[in-house]
Amino acid sequence: MDDLDRRILGLLQEDARLTNAQVAAAVGSTEPTVRRRIDRMIAAGIMKIVAVATPQKLGYGTIAILGIQIDHSRLDQIEAAIAEMPEVRFAGVTLGSYDIVLEVWFVDNQSLLEFLHGCLSKIEGIQRIESLQVVKMVKYAYDWSGPSAGATKG
């Protein structure tokens, strides 16, 4: 990705409904160039055009981050089970205090409790779950246009 790709991606992250001609005008390029670059980024899996929902506006009043410690010999089975759960909006294997971190959305606290006790805790190999309930969302963004030109690798 070069600077033009990053600028195109950045504009589409702000408003994915922009036309290729509007993007081209904003970045100082041509519509065919913008179209080819967008197609290339989509084909390469760098980006996809999607709508991002705001959980609270959809009725999800309870959002939680779950830190999970597991029996590592069961990691593959735990990953597969978690990936099938519609309540899980993000799941990542991590290094540090937790082996897996989840973001989950529910309509209310009772639904979260039922998920923790009736679903997640029944997965073999899960040893401990810590639930951190989000009481105020400060930032909710998916604007990953890549490293800036001045960024350095560590």
Protein backbone atom coordinates (compact mmCIF):
# COMPACT_ATOMS: atom_id res chain seq x y z
CA MET A 1 0.00 0.00 0.00
CA ASP A 2 1.24 3.45 -0.84
CA ASP A 3 0.05 6.88 0.26
CA LEU A 4 -2.70 7.03 -2.37
CA ASP A 5 -4.10 3.68 -1.24
CA ARG A 6 -4.11 4.91 2.38
CA ARG A 7 -5.93 8.12 1.45
CA ILE A 8 -8.52 6.19 -0.57
CA LEU A 9 -9.02 3.76 2.30
CA GLY A 10 -9.27 6.60 4.81
CA LEU A 11 -12.00 8.35 2.80
CA LEU A 12 -14.01 5.14 2.40
CA GLN A 13 -13.75 4.48 6.13
CA GLU A 14 -15.37 7.85 6.75
CA ASP A 15 -18.08 7.30 4.12
CA ALA A 16 -18.17 4.04 2.15
CA ARG A 17 -20.99 5.42 0.00
CA LEU A 18 -18.70 7.86 -1.81
CA THR A 19 -18.53 7.24 -5.54
CA ASN A 20 -15.22 6.44 -7.17
CA ALA A 21 -15.41 9.84 -8.90
CA GLN A 22 -15.86 11.61 -5.54
CA VAL A 23 -12.92 9.71 -4.05
CA ALA A 24 -10.79 10.49 -7.11
CA ALA A 25 -11.57 14.21 -6.81
CA ALA A 26 -10.72 14.20 -3.10
CA VAL A 27 -7.37 12.46 -3.55
CA GLY A 28 -6.37 14.19 -6.79
CA SER A 29 -6.49 11.12 -8.99
CA THR A 30 -8.67 9.70 -11.76
CA GLU A 31 -11.78 7.57 -11.37
CA PRO A 32 -10.29 4.56 -13.23
CA THR A 33 -7.19 4.64 -11.01
CA VAL A 34 -9.33 4.80 -7.85
CA ARG A 35 -11.57 1.99 -9.11
CA ARG A 36 -8.57 -0.25 -9.88
CA ARG A 37 -6.97 0.45 -6.52
CA ILE A 38 -10.20 -0.24 -4.61
CA ASP A 39 -10.73 -3.47 -6.55
CA ARG A 40 -7.11 -4.50 -5.84
CA MET A 41 -7.41 -3.76 -2.10
CA ILE A 42 -10.66 -5.74 -1.90
CA ALA A 43 -9.20 -8.68 -3.87
CA ALA A 44 -6.09 -8.68 -1.66
CA GLY A 45 -8.23 -8.75 1.50
CA ILE A 46 -6.87 -5.38 2.64
CA MET A 47 -10.38 -3.97 2.94
CA LYS A 48 -14.02 -4.76 2.46
CA ILE A 49 -16.96 -2.42 2.24
CA VAL A 50 -19.33 -2.99 5.17
CA ALA A 51 -21.70 -1.10 7.45
CA VAL A 52 -20.54 -0.77 11.07
CA ALA A 53 -23.38 -0.88 13.59
CA THR A 54 -23.59 1.06 16.83
CA PRO A 55 -24.50 -1.58 19.44
CA GLN A 56 -26.51 0.70 21.75
CA LYS A 57 -28.62 2.03 18.88
CA LEU A 58 -29.51 -1.57 18.00
CA GLY A 59 -30.75 -2.30 21.52
CA TYR A 60 -27.61 -3.88 22.95
CA GLY A 61 -27.49 -2.22 26.36
CA THR A 62 -24.83 -4.55 27.76
CA ILE A 63 -21.40 -4.76 26.22
CA ALA A 64 -18.63 -6.67 27.95
CA ILE A 65 -15.00 -7.52 27.43
CA LEU A 66 -14.23 -11.04 28.63
CA GLY A 67 -10.76 -12.17 29.64
CA ILE A 68 -10.47 -15.95 29.52
CA GLN A 69 -7.80 -18.32 30.83
CA ILE A 70 -7.75 -21.77 29.27
CA ASP A 71 -6.12 -25.19 29.20
CA HIS A 72 -3.83 -24.65 26.19
CA SER A 73 -4.15 -28.25 25.09
CA ARG A 74 -7.78 -27.42 24.17
CA LEU A 75 -7.13 -24.14 22.35
CA ASP A 76 -8.34 -25.35 18.93
CA GLN A 77 -11.63 -26.71 20.33
CA ILE A 78 -12.22 -23.55 22.39
CA GLU A 79 -11.53 -21.31 19.38
CA ALA A 80 -13.97 -23.31 17.25
CA ALA A 81 -16.71 -23.16 19.90
CA ILE A 82 -16.29 -19.41 20.42
CA ALA A 83 -16.27 -18.69 16.68
CA GLU A 84 -19.77 -20.22 16.41
CA MET A 85 -21.30 -17.98 19.11
CA PRO A 86 -23.36 -15.12 17.63
CA GLU A 87 -23.00 -13.06 20.82
CA VAL A 88 -19.23 -12.82 20.27
CA ARG A 89 -18.36 -9.76 18.16
CA PHE A 90 -14.58 -10.01 18.56
CA ALA A 91 -12.37 -12.88 19.68
CA GLY A 92 -8.59 -12.88 19.84
CA VAL A 93 -5.91 -15.17 21.24
CA THR A 94 -3.64 -13.00 23.36
CA LEU A 95 -0.40 -13.00 25.30
CA GLY A 96 -0.38 -11.91 28.93
CA SER A 97 -2.90 -12.37 31.73
CA TYR A 98 -5.60 -13.79 29.47
CA ASP A 99 -5.31 -16.42 26.78
CA ILE A 100 -8.39 -15.22 24.88
CA VAL A 101 -10.21 -11.89 24.91
CA LEU A 102 -13.79 -11.49 23.70
CA GLU A 103 -16.12 -8.57 23.05
CA VAL A 104 -19.75 -9.60 23.54
CA TRP A 105 -23.05 -7.74 23.10
CA PHE A 106 -26.33 -8.39 24.91
CA VAL A 107 -29.67 -6.67 25.35
CA ASP A 108 -29.36 -6.73 29.14
CA ASN A 109 -27.29 -7.94 32.11
CA GLN A 110 -29.44 -11.05 32.55
CA SER A 111 -28.56 -12.19 29.02
CA LEU A 112 -24.86 -11.67 29.77
CA LEU A 113 -25.18 -13.72 32.96
CA GLU A 114 -26.98 -16.53 31.11
CA PHE A 115 -24.25 -16.53 28.45
CA LEU A 116 -21.46 -16.69 31.03
CA HIS A 117 -23.01 -19.46 33.13
CA GLY A 118 -25.09 -21.36 30.62
CA CYS A 119 -22.90 -21.26 27.56
CA LEU A 120 -19.31 -20.09 27.88
CA SER A 121 -18.50 -21.79 31.18
CA LYS A 122 -19.63 -25.14 29.74
CA ILE A 123 -16.85 -25.21 27.15
CA GLU A 124 -14.29 -27.80 28.19
CA GLY A 125 -10.89 -26.26 28.84
CA ILE A 126 -12.06 -22.83 29.95
CA GLN A 127 -10.60 -22.37 33.41
CA ARG A 128 -11.45 -18.78 34.34
CA ILE A 129 -13.54 -15.95 32.90
CA GLU A 130 -13.30 -12.33 33.97
CA SER A 131 -16.07 -10.05 32.76
CA LEU A 132 -15.44 -6.33 32.36
CA GLN A 133 -18.70 -4.57 31.60
CA VAL A 134 -18.44 -1.49 29.42
CA VAL A 135 -20.45 1.26 31.12
CA LYS A 136 -19.47 4.06 28.74
CA MET A 137 -18.08 3.72 25.26
CA VAL A 138 -15.42 6.38 24.79
CA LYS A 139 -14.27 5.39 21.31
CA TYR A 140 -15.59 2.83 18.85
CA ALA A 141 -13.66 3.01 15.60
CA TYR A 142 -12.63 0.78 12.74
CA ASP A 143 -10.54 3.27 10.81
CA TRP A 144 -7.39 1.28 10.11
CA SER A 145 -5.87 2.92 7.06
CA GLY A 146 -2.44 1.55 7.87
CA PRO A 147 0.70 3.05 9.30
CA SER A 148 1.38 6.69 8.62
CA ALA A 149 4.27 7.65 6.39
CA GLY A 150 6.36 8.61 9.42
CA ALA A 151 5.73 5.42 11.37
CA THR A 152 8.71 3.26 12.22
CA LYS A 153 8.92 -0.45 12.72
CA GLY A 154 9.88 -1.59 16.21
